[in-house]
Amino acid sequence: MGGSWVFARQIKKKTRRWKQGGGVTISVGPSAEAFYGSQFVELGTVKQAANSWLEPAFSANKAQVMDRFKARLREKIKAASK
């Protein structure tokens, strides 16, 4: 749990709901700190070679990641629509 909690702090979520029309928008992405850290390591820089870890890890676990994401998204949509 400790590791996932630290990771969760680096994920920023923003939800907007419109009363008129019932629309909902959810944005999910890394914090600025996590974005720059992951991009520089993953893609490299002019002075540092790329050391890809995120894409290979996602590819190896894609089905599990997507199933969990869909389940949580359904929960959040259901809660937001109440």
C-alpha atoms as a PDB file:
ATOM      1  CA  MET A   1       0.000   0.000   0.000  1.00  0.00           C
ATOM      2  CA  GLY A   2       2.825   2.423   0.789  1.00  0.00           C
ATOM      3  CA  GLY A   3       4.195   2.406  -2.729  1.00  0.00           C
ATOM      4  CA  SER A   4       0.830   2.900  -4.393  1.00  0.00           C
ATOM      5  CA  TRP A   5       0.027   5.768  -2.007  1.00  0.00           C
ATOM      6  CA  VAL A   6       3.210   7.587  -3.007  1.00  0.00           C
ATOM      7  CA  PHE A   7       2.415   6.960  -6.666  1.00  0.00           C
ATOM      8  CA  ALA A   8      -1.158   8.162  -6.207  1.00  0.00           C
ATOM      9  CA  ARG A   9       0.118  11.526  -4.939  1.00  0.00           C
ATOM     10  CA  GLN A  10       1.742  12.073  -8.339  1.00  0.00           C
ATOM     11  CA  ILE A  11      -1.523  11.584 -10.243  1.00  0.00           C
ATOM     12  CA  LYS A  12      -3.686  14.675 -10.581  1.00  0.00           C
ATOM     13  CA  LYS A  13      -7.403  14.324 -11.261  1.00  0.00           C
ATOM     14  CA  LYS A  14      -9.871  17.014 -12.208  1.00  0.00           C
ATOM     15  CA  THR A  15     -13.606  16.436 -12.614  1.00  0.00           C
ATOM     16  CA  ARG A  16     -16.068  18.916 -14.090  1.00  0.00           C
ATOM     17  CA  ARG A  17     -19.798  18.350 -14.165  1.00  0.00           C
ATOM     18  CA  TRP A  18     -22.355  20.490 -15.970  1.00  0.00           C
ATOM     19  CA  LYS A  19     -25.815  20.767 -14.490  1.00  0.00           C
ATOM     20  CA  GLN A  20     -27.212  21.672 -17.878  1.00  0.00           C
ATOM     21  CA  GLY A  21     -27.065  18.681 -20.216  1.00  0.00           C
ATOM     22  CA  GLY A  22     -25.582  16.353 -17.581  1.00  0.00           C
ATOM     23  CA  GLY A  23     -22.087  16.301 -19.065  1.00  0.00           C
ATOM     24  CA  VAL A  24     -19.025  15.185 -17.144  1.00  0.00           C
ATOM     25  CA  THR A  25     -15.358  15.653 -18.033  1.00  0.00           C
ATOM     26  CA  ILE A  26     -12.586  13.882 -16.146  1.00  0.00           C
ATOM     27  CA  SER A  27      -8.944  14.719 -16.725  1.00  0.00           C
ATOM     28  CA  VAL A  28      -6.226  12.446 -15.366  1.00  0.00           C
ATOM     29  CA  GLY A  29      -2.504  13.027 -15.645  1.00  0.00           C
ATOM     30  CA  PRO A  30       0.795  13.282 -13.861  1.00  0.00           C
ATOM     31  CA  SER A  31       1.732  16.134 -11.573  1.00  0.00           C
ATOM     32  CA  ALA A  32       4.268  18.561 -13.020  1.00  0.00           C
ATOM     33  CA  GLU A  33       7.024  16.977 -10.917  1.00  0.00           C
ATOM     34  CA  ALA A  34       6.180  13.464 -12.088  1.00  0.00           C
ATOM     35  CA  PHE A  35       5.753  14.583 -15.701  1.00  0.00           C
ATOM     36  CA  TYR A  36       9.199  16.104 -16.016  1.00  0.00           C
ATOM     37  CA  GLY A  37      10.894  13.337 -14.056  1.00  0.00           C
ATOM     38  CA  SER A  38       9.282  10.593 -16.084  1.00  0.00           C
ATOM     39  CA  GLN A  39       9.782  12.331 -19.426  1.00  0.00           C
ATOM     40  CA  PHE A  40      13.473  12.997 -18.904  1.00  0.00           C
ATOM     41  CA  VAL A  41      14.135   9.418 -17.809  1.00  0.00           C
ATOM     42  CA  GLU A  42      11.778   7.756 -20.295  1.00  0.00           C
ATOM     43  CA  LEU A  43      12.690   9.759 -23.388  1.00  0.00           C
ATOM     44  CA  GLY A  44      16.119  11.050 -22.460  1.00  0.00           C
ATOM     45  CA  THR A  45      17.588  14.480 -23.080  1.00  0.00           C
ATOM     46  CA  VAL A  46      20.394  15.898 -25.157  1.00  0.00           C
ATOM     47  CA  LYS A  47      22.764  15.059 -22.282  1.00  0.00           C
ATOM     48  CA  GLN A  48      21.147  11.847 -21.006  1.00  0.00           C
ATOM     49  CA  ALA A  49      20.244   8.684 -22.895  1.00  0.00           C
ATOM     50  CA  ALA A  50      16.697   7.386 -22.623  1.00  0.00           C
ATOM     51  CA  ASN A  51      16.073   4.748 -19.976  1.00  0.00           C
ATOM     52  CA  SER A  52      12.572   3.545 -20.888  1.00  0.00           C
ATOM     53  CA  TRP A  53      10.627   1.914 -18.092  1.00  0.00           C
ATOM     54  CA  LEU A  54       7.105   3.297 -18.232  1.00  0.00           C
ATOM     55  CA  GLU A  55       6.099   2.113 -21.689  1.00  0.00           C
ATOM     56  CA  PRO A  56       7.509  -1.425 -21.262  1.00  0.00           C
ATOM     57  CA  ALA A  57       5.825  -1.731 -17.833  1.00  0.00           C
ATOM     58  CA  PHE A  58       2.498  -0.517 -19.232  1.00  0.00           C
ATOM     59  CA  SER A  59       2.720  -2.828 -22.256  1.00  0.00           C
ATOM     60  CA  ALA A  60       3.439  -5.843 -20.038  1.00  0.00           C
ATOM     61  CA  ASN A  61       0.410  -5.080 -17.825  1.00  0.00           C
ATOM     62  CA  LYS A  62      -1.892  -3.311 -20.276  1.00  0.00           C
ATOM     63  CA  ALA A  63      -4.911  -5.616 -19.874  1.00  0.00           C
ATOM     64  CA  GLN A  64      -4.814  -5.399 -16.056  1.00  0.00           C
ATOM     65  CA  VAL A  65      -4.267  -1.638 -16.109  1.00  0.00           C
ATOM     66  CA  MET A  66      -7.150  -1.031 -18.495  1.00  0.00           C
ATOM     67  CA  ASP A  67      -9.516  -3.357 -16.599  1.00  0.00           C
ATOM     68  CA  ARG A  68      -8.771  -1.601 -13.318  1.00  0.00           C
ATOM     69  CA  PHE A  69      -9.063   1.842 -14.920  1.00  0.00           C
ATOM     70  CA  LYS A  70     -12.454   0.961 -16.445  1.00  0.00           C
ATOM     71  CA  ALA A  71     -13.765  -0.420 -13.157  1.00  0.00           C
ATOM     72  CA  ARG A  72     -12.705   2.672 -11.195  1.00  0.00           C
ATOM     73  CA  LEU A  73     -14.053   4.972 -13.892  1.00  0.00           C
ATOM     74  CA  ARG A  74     -17.438   3.213 -13.753  1.00  0.00           C
ATOM     75  CA  GLU A  75     -17.467   3.651  -9.957  1.00  0.00           C
ATOM     76  CA  LYS A  76     -16.644   7.351 -10.221  1.00  0.00           C
ATOM     77  CA  ILE A  77     -19.229   7.965 -12.951  1.00  0.00           C
ATOM     78  CA  LYS A  78     -21.890   6.170 -10.933  1.00  0.00           C
ATOM     79  CA  ALA A  79     -21.028   8.217  -7.827  1.00  0.00           C
ATOM     80  CA  ALA A  80     -20.981  11.493  -9.791  1.00  0.00           C
ATOM     81  CA  SER A  81     -24.348  10.796 -11.392  1.00  0.00           C
ATOM     82  CA  LYS A  82     -26.143  10.383  -8.048  1.00  0.00           C
END
